[in-house]
PDB file of N, CA and C in Angstrom:
ATOM      1  N   MET A   1     -18.387  34.192  24.002  1.00  0.00           N
ATOM      2  CA  MET A   1     -18.455  33.930  22.587  1.00  0.00           C
ATOM      3  C   MET A   1     -17.397  34.722  21.831  1.00  0.00           C
ATOM      4  N   LEU A   2     -17.176  35.944  22.191  1.00  0.00           N
ATOM      5  CA  LEU A   2     -16.195  36.754  21.500  1.00  0.00           C
ATOM      6  C   LEU A   2     -14.763  36.276  21.761  1.00  0.00           C
ATOM      7  N   LEU A   3     -14.490  35.811  22.938  1.00  0.00           N
ATOM      8  CA  LEU A   3     -13.144  35.352  23.263  1.00  0.00           C
ATOM      9  C   LEU A   3     -12.778  34.058  22.530  1.00  0.00           C
ATOM     10  N   SER A   4     -13.740  33.255  22.288  1.00  0.00           N
ATOM     11  CA  SER A   4     -13.442  31.980  21.623  1.00  0.00           C
ATOM     12  C   SER A   4     -13.078  32.166  20.158  1.00  0.00           C
ATOM     13  N   SER A   5     -13.448  33.226  19.557  1.00  0.00           N
ATOM     14  CA  SER A   5     -13.122  33.448  18.145  1.00  0.00           C
ATOM     15  C   SER A   5     -11.657  33.825  17.947  1.00  0.00           C
ATOM     16  N   CYS A   6     -10.956  34.200  19.002  1.00  0.00           N
ATOM     17  CA  CYS A   6      -9.557  34.593  18.883  1.00  0.00           C
ATOM     18  C   CYS A   6      -8.592  33.421  19.073  1.00  0.00           C
ATOM     19  N   THR A   7      -9.076  32.313  19.473  1.00  0.00           N
ATOM     20  CA  THR A   7      -8.182  31.177  19.720  1.00  0.00           C
ATOM     21  C   THR A   7      -7.892  30.442  18.423  1.00  0.00           C
ATOM     22  N   THR A   8      -6.773  29.756  18.414  1.00  0.00           N
ATOM     23  CA  THR A   8      -6.420  28.946  17.255  1.00  0.00           C
ATOM     24  C   THR A   8      -6.354  27.481  17.674  1.00  0.00           C
ATOM     25  N   THR A   9      -6.642  26.646  16.758  1.00  0.00           N
ATOM     26  CA  THR A   9      -6.596  25.214  17.033  1.00  0.00           C
ATOM     27  C   THR A   9      -5.256  24.684  16.554  1.00  0.00           C
ATOM     28  N   ARG A  10      -4.588  23.965  17.420  1.00  0.00           N
ATOM     29  CA  ARG A  10      -3.286  23.405  17.077  1.00  0.00           C
ATOM     30  C   ARG A  10      -3.461  21.915  16.805  1.00  0.00           C
ATOM     31  N   ILE A  11      -2.999  21.481  15.655  1.00  0.00           N
ATOM     32  CA  ILE A  11      -3.114  20.071  15.284  1.00  0.00           C
ATOM     33  C   ILE A  11      -1.762  19.408  15.482  1.00  0.00           C
ATOM     34  N   GLU A  12      -1.751  18.334  16.252  1.00  0.00           N
ATOM     35  CA  GLU A  12      -0.529  17.562  16.463  1.00  0.00           C
ATOM     36  C   GLU A  12      -0.762  16.140  15.977  1.00  0.00           C
ATOM     37  N   TYR A  13       0.179  15.648  15.199  1.00  0.00           N
ATOM     38  CA  TYR A  13       0.115  14.271  14.739  1.00  0.00           C
ATOM     39  C   TYR A  13       1.007  13.416  15.624  1.00  0.00           C
ATOM     40  N   VAL A  14       0.481  12.309  16.034  1.00  0.00           N
ATOM     41  CA  VAL A  14       1.213  11.415  16.917  1.00  0.00           C
ATOM     42  C   VAL A  14       1.552  10.148  16.145  1.00  0.00           C
ATOM     43  N   GLN A  15       2.810   9.759  16.202  1.00  0.00           N
ATOM     44  CA  GLN A  15       3.231   8.528  15.541  1.00  0.00           C
ATOM     45  C   GLN A  15       2.701   7.325  16.317  1.00  0.00           C
ATOM     46  N   THR A  16       2.128   6.406  15.603  1.00  0.00           N
ATOM     47  CA  THR A  16       1.665   5.162  16.221  1.00  0.00           C
ATOM     48  C   THR A  16       2.543   4.030  15.718  1.00  0.00           C
ATOM     49  N   PRO A  17       2.789   3.056  16.558  1.00  0.00           N
ATOM     50  CA  PRO A  17       3.621   1.942  16.111  1.00  0.00           C
ATOM     51  C   PRO A  17       2.894   1.147  15.029  1.00  0.00           C
ATOM     52  N   SER A  18       3.665   0.680  14.058  1.00  0.00           N
ATOM     53  CA  SER A  18       3.053  -0.095  12.986  1.00  0.00           C
ATOM     54  C   SER A  18       2.680  -1.486  13.501  1.00  0.00           C
ATOM     55  N   VAL A  19       1.669  -2.045  12.884  1.00  0.00           N
ATOM     56  CA  VAL A  19       1.202  -3.372  13.271  1.00  0.00           C
ATOM     57  C   VAL A  19       2.186  -4.396  12.731  1.00  0.00           C
ATOM     58  N   PRO A  20       2.763  -5.225  13.597  1.00  0.00           N
ATOM     59  CA  PRO A  20       3.696  -6.226  13.086  1.00  0.00           C
ATOM     60  C   PRO A  20       2.946  -7.316  12.322  1.00  0.00           C
ATOM     61  N   ILE A  21       3.610  -7.855  11.324  1.00  0.00           N
ATOM     62  CA  ILE A  21       3.017  -8.957  10.562  1.00  0.00           C
ATOM     63  C   ILE A  21       3.150 -10.212  11.405  1.00  0.00           C
ATOM     64  N   PRO A  22       2.054 -10.930  11.630  1.00  0.00           N
ATOM     65  CA  PRO A  22       2.113 -12.145  12.448  1.00  0.00           C
ATOM     66  C   PRO A  22       3.111 -13.157  11.878  1.00  0.00           C
ATOM     67  N   ALA A  23       3.823 -13.821  12.774  1.00  0.00           N
ATOM     68  CA  ALA A  23       4.877 -14.758  12.371  1.00  0.00           C
ATOM     69  C   ALA A  23       4.334 -15.903  11.524  1.00  0.00           C
ATOM     70  N   HIS A  24       3.106 -16.353  11.798  1.00  0.00           N
ATOM     71  CA  HIS A  24       2.584 -17.499  11.037  1.00  0.00           C
ATOM     72  C   HIS A  24       2.360 -17.149   9.564  1.00  0.00           C
ATOM     73  N   LEU A  25       2.235 -15.869   9.247  1.00  0.00           N
ATOM     74  CA  LEU A  25       2.086 -15.478   7.846  1.00  0.00           C
ATOM     75  C   LEU A  25       3.428 -15.468   7.112  1.00  0.00           C
ATOM     76  N   LEU A  26       4.515 -15.425   7.865  1.00  0.00           N
ATOM     77  CA  LEU A  26       5.845 -15.363   7.268  1.00  0.00           C
ATOM     78  C   LEU A  26       6.533 -16.728   7.192  1.00  0.00           C
ATOM     79  N   ASN A  27       5.886 -17.756   7.732  1.00  0.00           N
ATOM     80  CA  ASN A  27       6.468 -19.094   7.690  1.00  0.00           C
ATOM     81  C   ASN A  27       6.562 -19.595   6.255  1.00  0.00           C
ATOM     82  N   ASP A  28       7.570 -20.421   5.994  1.00  0.00           N
ATOM     83  CA  ASP A  28       7.719 -21.025   4.679  1.00  0.00           C
ATOM     84  C   ASP A  28       6.559 -21.984   4.406  1.00  0.00           C
ATOM     85  N   CYS A  29       6.194 -22.094   3.152  1.00  0.00           N
ATOM     86  CA  CYS A  29       5.165 -23.032   2.721  1.00  0.00           C
ATOM     87  C   CYS A  29       5.875 -24.295   2.240  1.00  0.00           C
ATOM     88  N   LEU A  30       5.885 -25.285   3.073  1.00  0.00           N
ATOM     89  CA  LEU A  30       6.626 -26.506   2.763  1.00  0.00           C
ATOM     90  C   LEU A  30       5.700 -27.595   2.233  1.00  0.00           C
ATOM     91  N   PRO A  31       6.057 -28.183   1.103  1.00  0.00           N
ATOM     92  CA  PRO A  31       5.251 -29.295   0.583  1.00  0.00           C
ATOM     93  C   PRO A  31       5.528 -30.561   1.383  1.00  0.00           C
ATOM     94  N   GLU A  32       4.646 -31.514   1.249  1.00  0.00           N
ATOM     95  CA  GLU A  32       4.843 -32.797   1.914  1.00  0.00           C
ATOM     96  C   GLU A  32       6.016 -33.537   1.298  1.00  0.00           C
ATOM     97  N   TYR A  33       6.516 -34.504   2.047  1.00  0.00           N
ATOM     98  CA  TYR A  33       7.604 -35.352   1.560  1.00  0.00           C
ATOM     99  C   TYR A  33       7.084 -36.172   0.382  1.00  0.00           C
ATOM    100  N   ILE A  34       7.858 -36.226  -0.685  1.00  0.00           N
ATOM    101  CA  ILE A  34       7.470 -37.004  -1.866  1.00  0.00           C
ATOM    102  C   ILE A  34       8.309 -38.277  -1.886  1.00  0.00           C
ATOM    103  N   PRO A  35       7.684 -39.427  -1.660  1.00  0.00           N
ATOM    104  CA  PRO A  35       8.442 -40.689  -1.669  1.00  0.00           C
ATOM    105  C   PRO A  35       8.884 -41.042  -3.089  1.00  0.00           C
ATOM    106  N   GLN A  36       9.919 -41.878  -3.187  1.00  0.00           N
ATOM    107  CA  GLN A  36      10.417 -42.274  -4.505  1.00  0.00           C
ATOM    108  C   GLN A  36       9.426 -43.168  -5.234  1.00  0.00           C
ATOM    109  N   LYS A  37       8.746 -44.016  -4.513  1.00  0.00           N
ATOM    110  CA  LYS A  37       7.772 -44.914  -5.129  1.00  0.00           C
ATOM    111  C   LYS A  37       6.393 -44.640  -4.536  1.00  0.00           C
ATOM    112  N   PHE A  38       5.449 -44.400  -5.418  1.00  0.00           N
ATOM    113  CA  PHE A  38       4.077 -44.268  -4.967  1.00  0.00           C
ATOM    114  C   PHE A  38       3.139 -44.583  -6.118  1.00  0.00           C
ATOM    115  N   THR A  39       1.899 -44.874  -5.766  1.00  0.00           N
ATOM    116  CA  THR A  39       0.913 -45.299  -6.758  1.00  0.00           C
ATOM    117  C   THR A  39       0.226 -44.080  -7.358  1.00  0.00           C
ATOM    118  N   TRP A  40      -0.608 -44.367  -8.385  1.00  0.00           N
ATOM    119  CA  TRP A  40      -1.400 -43.279  -8.972  1.00  0.00           C
ATOM    120  C   TRP A  40      -2.329 -42.659  -7.933  1.00  0.00           C
ATOM    121  N   GLY A  41      -2.875 -43.495  -7.074  1.00  0.00           N
ATOM    122  CA  GLY A  41      -3.748 -42.983  -6.006  1.00  0.00           C
ATOM    123  C   GLY A  41      -2.980 -42.078  -5.058  1.00  0.00           C
ATOM    124  N   ASP A  42      -1.751 -42.498  -4.723  1.00  0.00           N
ATOM    125  CA  ASP A  42      -0.902 -41.655  -3.875  1.00  0.00           C
ATOM    126  C   ASP A  42      -0.599 -40.320  -4.562  1.00  0.00           C
ATOM    127  N   SER A  43      -0.437 -40.388  -5.885  1.00  0.00           N
ATOM    128  CA  SER A  43      -0.166 -39.178  -6.657  1.00  0.00           C
ATOM    129  C   SER A  43      -1.334 -38.199  -6.573  1.00  0.00           C
ATOM    130  N   LEU A  44      -2.547 -38.723  -6.645  1.00  0.00           N
ATOM    131  CA  LEU A  44      -3.723 -37.849  -6.534  1.00  0.00           C
ATOM    132  C   LEU A  44      -3.796 -37.195  -5.164  1.00  0.00           C
ATOM    133  N   LEU A  45      -3.509 -37.981  -4.120  1.00  0.00           N
ATOM    134  CA  LEU A  45      -3.536 -37.429  -2.765  1.00  0.00           C
ATOM    135  C   LEU A  45      -2.436 -36.374  -2.590  1.00  0.00           C
ATOM    136  N   LEU A  46      -1.279 -36.650  -3.182  1.00  0.00           N
ATOM    137  CA  LEU A  46      -0.185 -35.691  -3.106  1.00  0.00           C
ATOM    138  C   LEU A  46      -0.554 -34.393  -3.822  1.00  0.00           C
ATOM    139  N   ASN A  47      -1.167 -34.503  -4.988  1.00  0.00           N
ATOM    140  CA  ASN A  47      -1.597 -33.303  -5.725  1.00  0.00           C
ATOM    141  C   ASN A  47      -2.582 -32.483  -4.906  1.00  0.00           C
ATOM    142  N   GLU A  48      -3.512 -33.160  -4.263  1.00  0.00           N
ATOM    143  CA  GLU A  48      -4.480 -32.453  -3.422  1.00  0.00           C
ATOM    144  C   GLU A  48      -3.767 -31.736  -2.275  1.00  0.00           C
ATOM    145  N   SER A  49      -2.803 -32.410  -1.670  1.00  0.00           N
ATOM    146  CA  SER A  49      -2.051 -31.812  -0.566  1.00  0.00           C
ATOM    147  C   SER A  49      -1.244 -30.605  -1.043  1.00  0.00           C
ATOM    148  N   LEU A  50      -0.606 -30.737  -2.202  1.00  0.00           N
ATOM    149  CA  LEU A  50       0.185 -29.628  -2.735  1.00  0.00           C
ATOM    150  C   LEU A  50      -0.695 -28.432  -3.083  1.00  0.00           C
ATOM    151  N   LEU A  51      -1.868 -28.688  -3.630  1.00  0.00           N
ATOM    152  CA  LEU A  51      -2.790 -27.588  -3.935  1.00  0.00           C
ATOM    153  C   LEU A  51      -3.257 -26.894  -2.658  1.00  0.00           C
ATOM    154  N   THR A  52      -3.433 -27.655  -1.597  1.00  0.00           N
ATOM    155  CA  THR A  52      -3.819 -27.075  -0.311  1.00  0.00           C
ATOM    156  C   THR A  52      -2.713 -26.177   0.224  1.00  0.00           C
ATOM    157  N   VAL A  53      -1.461 -26.621   0.085  1.00  0.00           N
ATOM    158  CA  VAL A  53      -0.322 -25.807   0.527  1.00  0.00           C
ATOM    159  C   VAL A  53      -0.268 -24.502  -0.266  1.00  0.00           C
ATOM    160  N   ILE A  54      -0.456 -24.584  -1.576  1.00  0.00           N
ATOM    161  CA  ILE A  54      -0.442 -23.378  -2.414  1.00  0.00           C
ATOM    162  C   ILE A  54      -1.577 -22.439  -2.019  1.00  0.00           C
ATOM    163  N   GLU A  55      -2.744 -22.995  -1.782  1.00  0.00           N
ATOM    164  CA  GLU A  55      -3.891 -22.169  -1.388  1.00  0.00           C
ATOM    165  C   GLU A  55      -3.610 -21.443  -0.074  1.00  0.00           C
ATOM    166  N   GLN A  56      -3.024 -22.153   0.896  1.00  0.00           N
ATOM    167  CA  GLN A  56      -2.718 -21.530   2.185  1.00  0.00           C
ATOM    168  C   GLN A  56      -1.664 -20.444   2.029  1.00  0.00           C
ATOM    169  N   CYS A  57      -0.671 -20.678   1.182  1.00  0.00           N
ATOM    170  CA  CYS A  57       0.353 -19.647   0.927  1.00  0.00           C
ATOM    171  C   CYS A  57      -0.277 -18.401   0.311  1.00  0.00           C
ATOM    172  N   ASN A  58      -1.197 -18.600  -0.612  1.00  0.00           N
ATOM    173  CA  ASN A  58      -1.870 -17.457  -1.235  1.00  0.00           C
ATOM    174  C   ASN A  58      -2.711 -16.692  -0.218  1.00  0.00           C
ATOM    175  N   LEU A  59      -3.351 -17.396   0.709  1.00  0.00           N
ATOM    176  CA  LEU A  59      -4.119 -16.718   1.759  1.00  0.00           C
ATOM    177  C   LEU A  59      -3.197 -15.917   2.674  1.00  0.00           C
ATOM    178  N   ASP A  60      -2.018 -16.481   2.976  1.00  0.00           N
ATOM    179  CA  ASP A  60      -1.052 -15.756   3.806  1.00  0.00           C
ATOM    180  C   ASP A  60      -0.588 -14.489   3.107  1.00  0.00           C
ATOM    181  N   LYS A  61      -0.301 -14.573   1.816  1.00  0.00           N
ATOM    182  CA  LYS A  61       0.153 -13.406   1.062  1.00  0.00           C
ATOM    183  C   LYS A  61      -0.955 -12.356   0.977  1.00  0.00           C
ATOM    184  N   LYS A  62      -2.188 -12.804   0.847  1.00  0.00           N
ATOM    185  CA  LYS A  62      -3.316 -11.875   0.811  1.00  0.00           C
ATOM    186  C   LYS A  62      -3.425 -11.131   2.143  1.00  0.00           C
ATOM    187  N   ALA A  63      -3.247 -11.862   3.241  1.00  0.00           N
ATOM    188  CA  ALA A  63      -3.320 -11.237   4.562  1.00  0.00           C
ATOM    189  C   ALA A  63      -2.202 -10.214   4.739  1.00  0.00           C
ATOM    190  N   ILE A  64      -1.007 -10.521   4.236  1.00  0.00           N
ATOM    191  CA  ILE A  64       0.108  -9.579   4.322  1.00  0.00           C
ATOM    192  C   ILE A  64      -0.190  -8.329   3.498  1.00  0.00           C
ATOM    193  N   ARG A  65      -0.760  -8.508   2.293  1.00  0.00           N
ATOM    194  CA  ARG A  65      -1.122  -7.349   1.464  1.00  0.00           C
ATOM    195  C   ARG A  65      -2.158  -6.479   2.168  1.00  0.00           C
ATOM    196  N   GLU A  66      -3.117  -7.101   2.851  1.00  0.00           N
ATOM    197  CA  GLU A  66      -4.140  -6.336   3.573  1.00  0.00           C
ATOM    198  C   GLU A  66      -3.515  -5.547   4.720  1.00  0.00           C
ATOM    199  N   ILE A  67      -2.565  -6.148   5.425  1.00  0.00           N
ATOM    200  CA  ILE A  67      -1.888  -5.451   6.524  1.00  0.00           C
ATOM    201  C   ILE A  67      -1.108  -4.262   5.969  1.00  0.00           C
ATOM    202  N   GLU A  68      -0.399  -4.467   4.866  1.00  0.00           N
ATOM    203  CA  GLU A  68       0.366  -3.376   4.256  1.00  0.00           C
ATOM    204  C   GLU A  68      -0.546  -2.267   3.745  1.00  0.00           C
ATOM    205  N   ALA A  69      -1.687  -2.618   3.166  1.00  0.00           N
ATOM    206  CA  ALA A  69      -2.634  -1.607   2.693  1.00  0.00           C
ATOM    207  C   ALA A  69      -3.185  -0.806   3.866  1.00  0.00           C
ATOM    208  N   GLU A  70      -3.442  -1.491   4.977  1.00  0.00           N
ATOM    209  CA  GLU A  70      -3.942  -0.806   6.181  1.00  0.00           C
ATOM    210  C   GLU A  70      -2.886   0.163   6.710  1.00  0.00           C
ATOM    211  N   ARG A  71      -1.622  -0.239   6.632  1.00  0.00           N
ATOM    212  CA  ARG A  71      -0.545   0.660   7.075  1.00  0.00           C
ATOM    213  C   ARG A  71      -0.488   1.910   6.214  1.00  0.00           C
ATOM    214  N   LYS A  72      -0.613   1.730   4.890  1.00  0.00           N
ATOM    215  CA  LYS A  72      -0.548   2.877   3.982  1.00  0.00           C
ATOM    216  C   LYS A  72      -1.721   3.827   4.217  1.00  0.00           C
ATOM    217  N   ASN A  73      -2.896   3.265   4.499  1.00  0.00           N
ATOM    218  CA  ASN A  73      -4.083   4.095   4.708  1.00  0.00           C
ATOM    219  C   ASN A  73      -4.022   4.863   6.025  1.00  0.00           C
ATOM    220  N   SER A  74      -3.277   4.342   6.977  1.00  0.00           N
ATOM    221  CA  SER A  74      -3.233   5.006   8.289  1.00  0.00           C
ATOM    222  C   SER A  74      -2.037   5.943   8.433  1.00  0.00           C
ATOM    223  N   GLU A  75      -1.214   6.092   7.387  1.00  0.00           N
ATOM    224  CA  GLU A  75      -0.068   6.998   7.452  1.00  0.00           C
ATOM    225  C   GLU A  75      -0.543   8.446   7.512  1.00  0.00           C
ATOM    226  N   VAL A  76       0.258   9.263   8.162  1.00  0.00           N
ATOM    227  CA  VAL A  76      -0.045  10.697   8.294  1.00  0.00           C
ATOM    228  C   VAL A  76       0.285  11.374   6.964  1.00  0.00           C
ATOM    229  N   PRO A  77      -0.617  12.216   6.460  1.00  0.00           N
ATOM    230  CA  PRO A  77      -0.362  12.895   5.195  1.00  0.00           C
ATOM    231  C   PRO A  77       0.789  13.870   5.258  1.00  0.00           C
TER     232      PRO A  77
END
């Protein structure tokens, strides 16, 4: 018991590799082809498709922000 009180604890920080951002999150968000002639019904379907593309892009950006926040939280002080 007496000998253990004379020792010191050495703290070593080890660098860990950062988590790479998955490639599918970095892909471009491409809208569907817009034909020159289409009906009002086609326009509604196109709007729905474009909104889906925007929603998926926003989810990808959210995932990237979460990865970056996780990196900041795991950095050594």
